[in-house]
Amino acid sequence: MSALLTWLLLGLGGFCALSGALGIFRMPDFYSRLHPASTGDTLGQLLIIGGLMMGSDGLQTTLKLAVIAVLLFITTPTATHAISQAAYLSGLSCREEGEDDD
């Protein structure tokens, strides 16, 4: 049962990461692209690390993976916010209604 849950979490994490990457291409502007990149990346990382934690042998490895998961859970959204704020402060505007696609 543990092996099944491990592979299920790894598969779901890979799917979330892939769908986030594909979502980047579907969105029209920079700010819209940040959302699937951040959300898919964070959820995919947490699911993959959860699967690795389920499949790990020892407590020490599980604790190290848990620390990595907490750090990624904090830093990924923070980095996305910093990137969007830097883009806003530099004058990058949102795509306006009626603009042509690139």
PDB file of N, CA and C in Angstrom:
ATOM      1  N   MET A   1       0.818  -1.193   0.000  1.00  0.00           N
ATOM      2  CA  MET A   1       0.000   0.000   0.000  1.00  0.00           C
ATOM      3  C   MET A   1       0.864   1.261   0.000  1.00  0.00           C
ATOM      4  N   SER A   2       1.974   1.202   0.708  1.00  0.00           N
ATOM      5  CA  SER A   2       2.873   2.353   0.776  1.00  0.00           C
ATOM      6  C   SER A   2       3.491   2.647  -0.589  1.00  0.00           C
ATOM      7  N   ALA A   3       3.838   1.597  -1.321  1.00  0.00           N
ATOM      8  CA  ALA A   3       4.423   1.793  -2.650  1.00  0.00           C
ATOM      9  C   ALA A   3       3.400   2.397  -3.612  1.00  0.00           C
ATOM     10  N   LEU A   4       2.163   1.988  -3.493  1.00  0.00           N
ATOM     11  CA  LEU A   4       1.107   2.537  -4.350  1.00  0.00           C
ATOM     12  C   LEU A   4       0.898   4.022  -4.065  1.00  0.00           C
ATOM     13  N   LEU A   5       0.864   4.390  -2.784  1.00  0.00           N
ATOM     14  CA  LEU A   5       0.703   5.790  -2.414  1.00  0.00           C
ATOM     15  C   LEU A   5       1.911   6.626  -2.851  1.00  0.00           C
ATOM     16  N   THR A   6       3.091   6.033  -2.756  1.00  0.00           N
ATOM     17  CA  THR A   6       4.314   6.715  -3.215  1.00  0.00           C
ATOM     18  C   THR A   6       4.227   7.044  -4.694  1.00  0.00           C
ATOM     19  N   TRP A   7       3.873   6.050  -5.497  1.00  0.00           N
ATOM     20  CA  TRP A   7       3.792   6.274  -6.949  1.00  0.00           C
ATOM     21  C   TRP A   7       2.638   7.198  -7.313  1.00  0.00           C
ATOM     22  N   LEU A   8       1.556   7.149  -6.546  1.00  0.00           N
ATOM     23  CA  LEU A   8       0.434   8.037  -6.802  1.00  0.00           C
ATOM     24  C   LEU A   8       0.835   9.494  -6.548  1.00  0.00           C
ATOM     25  N   LEU A   9       1.513   9.761  -5.434  1.00  0.00           N
ATOM     26  CA  LEU A   9       1.956  11.116  -5.133  1.00  0.00           C
ATOM     27  C   LEU A   9       2.989  11.605  -6.150  1.00  0.00           C
ATOM     28  N   LEU A  10       3.910  10.740  -6.542  1.00  0.00           N
ATOM     29  CA  LEU A  10       4.898  11.130  -7.547  1.00  0.00           C
ATOM     30  C   LEU A  10       4.238  11.436  -8.889  1.00  0.00           C
ATOM     31  N   GLY A  11       3.272  10.621  -9.277  1.00  0.00           N
ATOM     32  CA  GLY A  11       2.563  10.857 -10.536  1.00  0.00           C
ATOM     33  C   GLY A  11       1.743  12.132 -10.515  1.00  0.00           C
ATOM     34  N   LEU A  12       1.036  12.372  -9.407  1.00  0.00           N
ATOM     35  CA  LEU A  12       0.259  13.608  -9.289  1.00  0.00           C
ATOM     36  C   LEU A  12       1.163  14.831  -9.263  1.00  0.00           C
ATOM     37  N   GLY A  13       2.297  14.720  -8.600  1.00  0.00           N
ATOM     38  CA  GLY A  13       3.245  15.830  -8.577  1.00  0.00           C
ATOM     39  C   GLY A  13       3.800  16.132  -9.958  1.00  0.00           C
ATOM     40  N   GLY A  14       4.115  15.095 -10.701  1.00  0.00           N
ATOM     41  CA  GLY A  14       4.593  15.295 -12.070  1.00  0.00           C
ATOM     42  C   GLY A  14       3.526  15.909 -12.953  1.00  0.00           C
ATOM     43  N   PHE A  15       2.275  15.471 -12.767  1.00  0.00           N
ATOM     44  CA  PHE A  15       1.173  16.036 -13.540  1.00  0.00           C
ATOM     45  C   PHE A  15       0.970  17.516 -13.221  1.00  0.00           C
ATOM     46  N   CYS A  16       1.025  17.871 -11.940  1.00  0.00           N
ATOM     47  CA  CYS A  16       0.849  19.278 -11.552  1.00  0.00           C
ATOM     48  C   CYS A  16       1.981  20.145 -12.107  1.00  0.00           C
ATOM     49  N   ALA A  17       3.198  19.644 -12.035  1.00  0.00           N
ATOM     50  CA  ALA A  17       4.327  20.412 -12.570  1.00  0.00           C
ATOM     51  C   ALA A  17       4.202  20.576 -14.082  1.00  0.00           C
ATOM     52  N   LEU A  18       3.801  19.520 -14.774  1.00  0.00           N
ATOM     53  CA  LEU A  18       3.637  19.594 -16.225  1.00  0.00           C
ATOM     54  C   LEU A  18       2.485  20.514 -16.620  1.00  0.00           C
ATOM     55  N   SER A  19       1.371  20.437 -15.902  1.00  0.00           N
ATOM     56  CA  SER A  19       0.244  21.310 -16.240  1.00  0.00           C
ATOM     57  C   SER A  19       0.572  22.769 -15.935  1.00  0.00           C
ATOM     58  N   GLY A  20       1.364  23.028 -14.905  1.00  0.00           N
ATOM     59  CA  GLY A  20       1.808  24.392 -14.637  1.00  0.00           C
ATOM     60  C   GLY A  20       2.707  24.910 -15.735  1.00  0.00           C
ATOM     61  N   ALA A  21       3.577  24.051 -16.238  1.00  0.00           N
ATOM     62  CA  ALA A  21       4.462  24.453 -17.333  1.00  0.00           C
ATOM     63  C   ALA A  21       3.669  24.721 -18.611  1.00  0.00           C
ATOM     64  N   LEU A  22       2.672  23.905 -18.882  1.00  0.00           N
ATOM     65  CA  LEU A  22       1.834  24.139 -20.063  1.00  0.00           C
ATOM     66  C   LEU A  22       0.955  25.379 -19.896  1.00  0.00           C
ATOM     67  N   GLY A  23       0.559  25.666 -18.656  1.00  0.00           N
ATOM     68  CA  GLY A  23      -0.251  26.841 -18.389  1.00  0.00           C
ATOM     69  C   GLY A  23       0.484  28.138 -18.678  1.00  0.00           C
ATOM     70  N   ILE A  24       1.797  28.105 -18.588  1.00  0.00           N
ATOM     71  CA  ILE A  24       2.590  29.293 -18.900  1.00  0.00           C
ATOM     72  C   ILE A  24       2.395  29.694 -20.360  1.00  0.00           C
ATOM     73  N   PHE A  25       2.315  28.718 -21.237  1.00  0.00           N
ATOM     74  CA  PHE A  25       2.164  29.003 -22.662  1.00  0.00           C
ATOM     75  C   PHE A  25       0.752  29.460 -23.019  1.00  0.00           C
ATOM     76  N   ARG A  26      -0.228  29.101 -22.191  1.00  0.00           N
ATOM     77  CA  ARG A  26      -1.615  29.425 -22.506  1.00  0.00           C
ATOM     78  C   ARG A  26      -2.026  30.833 -22.083  1.00  0.00           C
ATOM     79  N   MET A  27      -1.311  31.415 -21.140  1.00  0.00           N
ATOM     80  CA  MET A  27      -1.707  32.711 -20.595  1.00  0.00           C
ATOM     81  C   MET A  27      -1.211  33.862 -21.465  1.00  0.00           C
ATOM     82  N   PRO A  28      -1.970  34.964 -21.512  1.00  0.00           N
ATOM     83  CA  PRO A  28      -1.666  36.033 -22.455  1.00  0.00           C
ATOM     84  C   PRO A  28      -0.556  36.997 -22.033  1.00  0.00           C
ATOM     85  N   ASP A  29      -0.384  37.243 -20.739  1.00  0.00           N
ATOM     86  CA  ASP A  29       0.611  38.239 -20.341  1.00  0.00           C
ATOM     87  C   ASP A  29       1.458  37.729 -19.176  1.00  0.00           C
ATOM     88  N   PHE A  30       2.436  38.543 -18.805  1.00  0.00           N
ATOM     89  CA  PHE A  30       3.423  38.154 -17.800  1.00  0.00           C
ATOM     90  C   PHE A  30       2.779  37.836 -16.456  1.00  0.00           C
ATOM     91  N   TYR A  31       1.906  38.702 -15.997  1.00  0.00           N
ATOM     92  CA  TYR A  31       1.300  38.517 -14.682  1.00  0.00           C
ATOM     93  C   TYR A  31       0.403  37.282 -14.644  1.00  0.00           C
ATOM     94  N   SER A  32      -0.283  37.012 -15.722  1.00  0.00           N
ATOM     95  CA  SER A  32      -1.110  35.807 -15.789  1.00  0.00           C
ATOM     96  C   SER A  32      -0.261  34.549 -15.828  1.00  0.00           C
ATOM     97  N   ARG A  33       0.908  34.629 -16.415  1.00  0.00           N
ATOM     98  CA  ARG A  33       1.797  33.470 -16.488  1.00  0.00           C
ATOM     99  C   ARG A  33       2.419  33.127 -15.141  1.00  0.00           C
ATOM    100  N   LEU A  34       2.526  34.111 -14.264  1.00  0.00           N
ATOM    101  CA  LEU A  34       3.111  33.843 -12.951  1.00  0.00           C
ATOM    102  C   LEU A  34       2.255  32.892 -12.127  1.00  0.00           C
ATOM    103  N   HIS A  35       0.946  32.971 -12.283  1.00  0.00           N
ATOM    104  CA  HIS A  35       0.067  32.137 -11.472  1.00  0.00           C
ATOM    105  C   HIS A  35       0.247  30.636 -11.736  1.00  0.00           C
ATOM    106  N   PRO A  36       0.140  30.149 -12.968  1.00  0.00           N
ATOM    107  CA  PRO A  36       0.339  28.700 -13.152  1.00  0.00           C
ATOM    108  C   PRO A  36       1.777  28.274 -12.860  1.00  0.00           C
ATOM    109  N   ALA A  37       2.725  29.159 -13.104  1.00  0.00           N
ATOM    110  CA  ALA A  37       4.113  28.805 -12.819  1.00  0.00           C
ATOM    111  C   ALA A  37       4.313  28.598 -11.320  1.00  0.00           C
ATOM    112  N   SER A  38       3.774  29.482 -10.520  1.00  0.00           N
ATOM    113  CA  SER A  38       3.944  29.389  -9.077  1.00  0.00           C
ATOM    114  C   SER A  38       3.098  28.274  -8.470  1.00  0.00           C
ATOM    115  N   THR A  39       1.833  28.230  -8.830  1.00  0.00           N
ATOM    116  CA  THR A  39       0.928  27.257  -8.227  1.00  0.00           C
ATOM    117  C   THR A  39       1.294  25.827  -8.628  1.00  0.00           C
ATOM    118  N   GLY A  40       1.489  25.615  -9.909  1.00  0.00           N
ATOM    119  CA  GLY A  40       1.858  24.275 -10.374  1.00  0.00           C
ATOM    120  C   GLY A  40       3.197  23.822  -9.830  1.00  0.00           C
ATOM    121  N   ASP A  41       4.127  24.742  -9.750  1.00  0.00           N
ATOM    122  CA  ASP A  41       5.454  24.420  -9.237  1.00  0.00           C
ATOM    123  C   ASP A  41       5.393  24.064  -7.758  1.00  0.00           C
ATOM    124  N   THR A  42       4.706  24.869  -6.970  1.00  0.00           N
ATOM    125  CA  THR A  42       4.634  24.620  -5.534  1.00  0.00           C
ATOM    126  C   THR A  42       3.894  23.324  -5.224  1.00  0.00           C
ATOM    127  N   LEU A  43       2.741  23.130  -5.828  1.00  0.00           N
ATOM    128  CA  LEU A  43       1.967  21.917  -5.576  1.00  0.00           C
ATOM    129  C   LEU A  43       2.705  20.684  -6.091  1.00  0.00           C
ATOM    130  N   GLY A  44       3.303  20.786  -7.270  1.00  0.00           N
ATOM    131  CA  GLY A  44       4.066  19.660  -7.810  1.00  0.00           C
ATOM    132  C   GLY A  44       5.245  19.287  -6.928  1.00  0.00           C
ATOM    133  N   GLN A  45       5.964  20.287  -6.442  1.00  0.00           N
ATOM    134  CA  GLN A  45       7.103  20.018  -5.562  1.00  0.00           C
ATOM    135  C   GLN A  45       6.655  19.346  -4.273  1.00  0.00           C
ATOM    136  N   LEU A  46       5.578  19.855  -3.676  1.00  0.00           N
ATOM    137  CA  LEU A  46       5.115  19.275  -2.417  1.00  0.00           C
ATOM    138  C   LEU A  46       4.617  17.844  -2.590  1.00  0.00           C
ATOM    139  N   LEU A  47       3.928  17.571  -3.690  1.00  0.00           N
ATOM    140  CA  LEU A  47       3.461  16.200  -3.926  1.00  0.00           C
ATOM    141  C   LEU A  47       4.625  15.256  -4.206  1.00  0.00           C
ATOM    142  N   ILE A  48       5.594  15.711  -4.971  1.00  0.00           N
ATOM    143  CA  ILE A  48       6.756  14.864  -5.259  1.00  0.00           C
ATOM    144  C   ILE A  48       7.551  14.598  -3.987  1.00  0.00           C
ATOM    145  N   ILE A  49       7.768  15.621  -3.184  1.00  0.00           N
ATOM    146  CA  ILE A  49       8.498  15.427  -1.935  1.00  0.00           C
ATOM    147  C   ILE A  49       7.695  14.538  -0.982  1.00  0.00           C
ATOM    148  N   GLY A  50       6.367  14.693  -0.977  1.00  0.00           N
ATOM    149  CA  GLY A  50       5.531  13.794  -0.171  1.00  0.00           C
ATOM    150  C   GLY A  50       5.667  12.345  -0.615  1.00  0.00           C
ATOM    151  N   GLY A  51       5.724  12.120  -1.912  1.00  0.00           N
ATOM    152  CA  GLY A  51       5.939  10.765  -2.418  1.00  0.00           C
ATOM    153  C   GLY A  51       7.304  10.228  -2.045  1.00  0.00           C
ATOM    154  N   LEU A  52       8.317  11.085  -2.098  1.00  0.00           N
ATOM    155  CA  LEU A  52       9.649  10.653  -1.692  1.00  0.00           C
ATOM    156  C   LEU A  52       9.703  10.353  -0.196  1.00  0.00           C
ATOM    157  N   MET A  53       8.961  11.128   0.588  1.00  0.00           N
ATOM    158  CA  MET A  53       8.907  10.863   2.032  1.00  0.00           C
ATOM    159  C   MET A  53       8.236   9.518   2.314  1.00  0.00           C
ATOM    160  N   MET A  54       7.186   9.206   1.555  1.00  0.00           N
ATOM    161  CA  MET A  54       6.508   7.918   1.742  1.00  0.00           C
ATOM    162  C   MET A  54       7.417   6.748   1.369  1.00  0.00           C
ATOM    163  N   GLY A  55       8.269   6.961   0.385  1.00  0.00           N
ATOM    164  CA  GLY A  55       9.132   5.884  -0.077  1.00  0.00           C
ATOM    165  C   GLY A  55      10.488   5.826   0.598  1.00  0.00           C
ATOM    166  N   SER A  56      10.780   6.767   1.483  1.00  0.00           N
ATOM    167  CA  SER A  56      12.099   6.787   2.115  1.00  0.00           C
ATOM    168  C   SER A  56      12.207   5.705   3.184  1.00  0.00           C
ATOM    169  N   ASP A  57      13.452   5.339   3.462  1.00  0.00           N
ATOM    170  CA  ASP A  57      13.702   4.239   4.393  1.00  0.00           C
ATOM    171  C   ASP A  57      13.781   4.683   5.848  1.00  0.00           C
ATOM    172  N   GLY A  58      14.496   5.787   6.095  1.00  0.00           N
ATOM    173  CA  GLY A  58      14.758   6.149   7.477  1.00  0.00           C
ATOM    174  C   GLY A  58      14.107   7.442   7.900  1.00  0.00           C
ATOM    175  N   LEU A  59      14.106   7.666   9.197  1.00  0.00           N
ATOM    176  CA  LEU A  59      13.537   8.875   9.766  1.00  0.00           C
ATOM    177  C   LEU A  59      14.351  10.101   9.391  1.00  0.00           C
ATOM    178  N   GLN A  60      15.664   9.945   9.336  1.00  0.00           N
ATOM    179  CA  GLN A  60      16.536  11.080   9.014  1.00  0.00           C
ATOM    180  C   GLN A  60      16.257  11.605   7.598  1.00  0.00           C
ATOM    181  N   THR A  61      16.089  10.725   6.660  1.00  0.00           N
ATOM    182  CA  THR A  61      15.786  11.128   5.286  1.00  0.00           C
ATOM    183  C   THR A  61      14.414  11.797   5.213  1.00  0.00           C
ATOM    184  N   THR A  62      13.451  11.262   5.926  1.00  0.00           N
ATOM    185  CA  THR A  62      12.112  11.840   5.940  1.00  0.00           C
ATOM    186  C   THR A  62      12.123  13.240   6.534  1.00  0.00           C
ATOM    187  N   LEU A  63      12.874  13.437   7.606  1.00  0.00           N
ATOM    188  CA  LEU A  63      12.960  14.757   8.223  1.00  0.00           C
ATOM    189  C   LEU A  63      13.654  15.765   7.305  1.00  0.00           C
ATOM    190  N   LYS A  64      14.680  15.342   6.609  1.00  0.00           N
ATOM    191  CA  LYS A  64      15.359  16.231   5.659  1.00  0.00           C
ATOM    192  C   LYS A  64      14.410  16.642   4.538  1.00  0.00           C
ATOM    193  N   LEU A  65      13.645  15.695   4.032  1.00  0.00           N
ATOM    194  CA  LEU A  65      12.675  16.014   2.982  1.00  0.00           C
ATOM    195  C   LEU A  65      11.574  16.936   3.504  1.00  0.00           C
ATOM    196  N   ALA A  66      11.177  16.769   4.757  1.00  0.00           N
ATOM    197  CA  ALA A  66      10.171  17.645   5.346  1.00  0.00           C
ATOM    198  C   ALA A  66      10.692  19.077   5.468  1.00  0.00           C
ATOM    199  N   VAL A  67      11.960  19.227   5.840  1.00  0.00           N
ATOM    200  CA  VAL A  67      12.552  20.565   5.928  1.00  0.00           C
ATOM    201  C   VAL A  67      12.608  21.208   4.542  1.00  0.00           C
ATOM    202  N   ILE A  68      12.982  20.429   3.540  1.00  0.00           N
ATOM    203  CA  ILE A  68      13.021  20.940   2.165  1.00  0.00           C
ATOM    204  C   ILE A  68      11.622  21.361   1.722  1.00  0.00           C
ATOM    205  N   ALA A  69      10.609  20.561   2.048  1.00  0.00           N
ATOM    206  CA  ALA A  69       9.236  20.892   1.662  1.00  0.00           C
ATOM    207  C   ALA A  69       8.780  22.193   2.307  1.00  0.00           C
ATOM    208  N   VAL A  70       9.095  22.387   3.583  1.00  0.00           N
ATOM    209  CA  VAL A  70       8.709  23.625   4.265  1.00  0.00           C
ATOM    210  C   VAL A  70       9.414  24.822   3.639  1.00  0.00           C
ATOM    211  N   LEU A  71      10.699  24.680   3.351  1.00  0.00           N
ATOM    212  CA  LEU A  71      11.437  25.779   2.733  1.00  0.00           C
ATOM    213  C   LEU A  71      10.885  26.128   1.353  1.00  0.00           C
ATOM    214  N   LEU A  72      10.576  25.122   0.557  1.00  0.00           N
ATOM    215  CA  LEU A  72      10.008  25.374  -0.769  1.00  0.00           C
ATOM    216  C   LEU A  72       8.613  25.975  -0.671  1.00  0.00           C
ATOM    217  N   PHE A  73       7.841  25.549   0.321  1.00  0.00           N
ATOM    218  CA  PHE A  73       6.490  26.074   0.508  1.00  0.00           C
ATOM    219  C   PHE A  73       6.525  27.561   0.856  1.00  0.00           C
ATOM    220  N   ILE A  74       7.586  27.994   1.521  1.00  0.00           N
ATOM    221  CA  ILE A  74       7.726  29.401   1.894  1.00  0.00           C
ATOM    222  C   ILE A  74       8.384  30.213   0.781  1.00  0.00           C
ATOM    223  N   THR A  75       9.459  29.693   0.195  1.00  0.00           N
ATOM    224  CA  THR A  75      10.251  30.499  -0.730  1.00  0.00           C
ATOM    225  C   THR A  75       9.660  30.630  -2.128  1.00  0.00           C
ATOM    226  N   THR A  76       8.975  29.635  -2.628  1.00  0.00           N
ATOM    227  CA  THR A  76       8.442  29.719  -3.994  1.00  0.00           C
ATOM    228  C   THR A  76       7.386  30.819  -4.142  1.00  0.00           C
ATOM    229  N   PRO A  77       6.372  30.883  -3.292  1.00  0.00           N
ATOM    230  CA  PRO A  77       5.423  32.008  -3.415  1.00  0.00           C
ATOM    231  C   PRO A  77       6.058  33.367  -3.119  1.00  0.00           C
ATOM    232  N   THR A  78       7.019  33.394  -2.202  1.00  0.00           N
ATOM    233  CA  THR A  78       7.703  34.645  -1.892  1.00  0.00           C
ATOM    234  C   THR A  78       8.497  35.141  -3.092  1.00  0.00           C
ATOM    235  N   ALA A  79       9.176  34.240  -3.774  1.00  0.00           N
ATOM    236  CA  ALA A  79       9.936  34.618  -4.970  1.00  0.00           C
ATOM    237  C   ALA A  79       9.003  35.083  -6.085  1.00  0.00           C
ATOM    238  N   THR A  80       7.865  34.431  -6.241  1.00  0.00           N
ATOM    239  CA  THR A  80       6.903  34.853  -7.254  1.00  0.00           C
ATOM    240  C   THR A  80       6.368  36.244  -6.950  1.00  0.00           C
ATOM    241  N   HIS A  81       6.098  36.515  -5.695  1.00  0.00           N
ATOM    242  CA  HIS A  81       5.636  37.847  -5.313  1.00  0.00           C
ATOM    243  C   HIS A  81       6.714  38.893  -5.586  1.00  0.00           C
ATOM    244  N   ALA A  82       7.953  38.578  -5.271  1.00  0.00           N
ATOM    245  CA  ALA A  82       9.050  39.517  -5.517  1.00  0.00           C
ATOM    246  C   ALA A  82       9.229  39.787  -7.007  1.00  0.00           C
ATOM    247  N   ILE A  83       9.094  38.764  -7.822  1.00  0.00           N
ATOM    248  CA  ILE A  83       9.211  38.932  -9.271  1.00  0.00           C
ATOM    249  C   ILE A  83       8.085  39.811  -9.806  1.00  0.00           C
ATOM    250  N   SER A  84       6.857  39.556  -9.341  1.00  0.00           N
ATOM    251  CA  SER A  84       5.728  40.363  -9.832  1.00  0.00           C
ATOM    252  C   SER A  84       5.825  41.808  -9.350  1.00  0.00           C
ATOM    253  N   GLN A  85       6.288  42.026  -8.138  1.00  0.00           N
ATOM    254  CA  GLN A  85       6.445  43.385  -7.648  1.00  0.00           C
ATOM    255  C   GLN A  85       7.550  44.123  -8.405  1.00  0.00           C
ATOM    256  N   ALA A  86       8.645  43.432  -8.714  1.00  0.00           N
ATOM    257  CA  ALA A  86       9.712  44.061  -9.491  1.00  0.00           C
ATOM    258  C   ALA A  86       9.227  44.422 -10.894  1.00  0.00           C
ATOM    259  N   ALA A  87       8.417  43.548 -11.497  1.00  0.00           N
ATOM    260  CA  ALA A  87       7.870  43.842 -12.824  1.00  0.00           C
ATOM    261  C   ALA A  87       6.931  45.036 -12.764  1.00  0.00           C
ATOM    262  N   TYR A  88       6.120  45.105 -11.724  1.00  0.00           N
ATOM    263  CA  TYR A  88       5.183  46.230 -11.577  1.00  0.00           C
ATOM    264  C   TYR A  88       5.938  47.545 -11.369  1.00  0.00           C
ATOM    265  N   LEU A  89       6.946  47.522 -10.508  1.00  0.00           N
ATOM    266  CA  LEU A  89       7.711  48.736 -10.232  1.00  0.00           C
ATOM    267  C   LEU A  89       8.547  49.191 -11.428  1.00  0.00           C
ATOM    268  N   SER A  90       8.915  48.250 -12.293  1.00  0.00           N
ATOM    269  CA  SER A  90       9.669  48.627 -13.486  1.00  0.00           C
ATOM    270  C   SER A  90       8.771  49.140 -14.603  1.00  0.00           C
ATOM    271  N   GLY A  91       7.451  49.075 -14.410  1.00  0.00           N
ATOM    272  CA  GLY A  91       6.529  49.654 -15.378  1.00  0.00           C
ATOM    273  C   GLY A  91       5.916  48.670 -16.347  1.00  0.00           C
ATOM    274  N   LEU A  92       6.073  47.380 -16.126  1.00  0.00           N
ATOM    275  CA  LEU A  92       5.471  46.390 -17.010  1.00  0.00           C
ATOM    276  C   LEU A  92       3.964  46.400 -16.804  1.00  0.00           C
ATOM    277  N   SER A  93       3.224  46.660 -17.864  1.00  0.00           N
ATOM    278  CA  SER A  93       1.773  46.760 -17.738  1.00  0.00           C
ATOM    279  C   SER A  93       1.114  45.441 -18.111  1.00  0.00           C
ATOM    280  N   CYS A  94      -0.108  45.299 -17.645  1.00  0.00           N
ATOM    281  CA  CYS A  94      -0.906  44.122 -18.002  1.00  0.00           C
ATOM    282  C   CYS A  94      -1.363  44.264 -19.448  1.00  0.00           C
ATOM    283  N   ARG A  95      -1.736  43.171 -20.031  1.00  0.00           N
ATOM    284  CA  ARG A  95      -2.292  43.195 -21.384  1.00  0.00           C
ATOM    285  C   ARG A  95      -3.657  43.857 -21.330  1.00  0.00           C
ATOM    286  N   GLU A  96      -3.854  44.812 -22.182  1.00  0.00           N
ATOM    287  CA  GLU A  96      -5.116  45.541 -22.202  1.00  0.00           C
ATOM    288  C   GLU A  96      -6.153  44.810 -23.033  1.00  0.00           C
ATOM    289  N   GLU A  97      -7.408  45.078 -22.762  1.00  0.00           N
ATOM    290  CA  GLU A  97      -8.516  44.501 -23.516  1.00  0.00           C
ATOM    291  C   GLU A  97      -8.432  44.944 -24.979  1.00  0.00           C
ATOM    292  N   GLY A  98      -8.524  44.012 -25.890  1.00  0.00           N
ATOM    293  CA  GLY A  98      -8.516  44.339 -27.302  1.00  0.00           C
ATOM    294  C   GLY A  98      -7.141  44.310 -27.952  1.00  0.00           C
ATOM    295  N   GLU A  99      -6.083  44.075 -27.199  1.00  0.00           N
ATOM    296  CA  GLU A  99      -4.756  43.984 -27.805  1.00  0.00           C
ATOM    297  C   GLU A  99      -4.637  42.673 -28.555  1.00  0.00           C
ATOM    298  N   ASP A 100      -3.841  42.685 -29.609  1.00  0.00           N
ATOM    299  CA  ASP A 100      -3.620  41.480 -30.387  1.00  0.00           C
ATOM    300  C   ASP A 100      -2.682  40.546 -29.650  1.00  0.00           C
ATOM    301  N   ASP A 101      -2.859  39.240 -29.906  1.00  0.00           N
ATOM    302  CA  ASP A 101      -1.942  38.246 -29.333  1.00  0.00           C
ATOM    303  C   ASP A 101      -0.615  38.321 -30.062  1.00  0.00           C
ATOM    304  N   ASP A 102       0.445  37.972 -29.351  1.00  0.00           N
ATOM    305  CA  ASP A 102       1.782  37.959 -29.976  1.00  0.00           C
ATOM    306  C   ASP A 102       1.974  36.811 -30.895  1.00  0.00           C
TER     307      ASP A 102
END
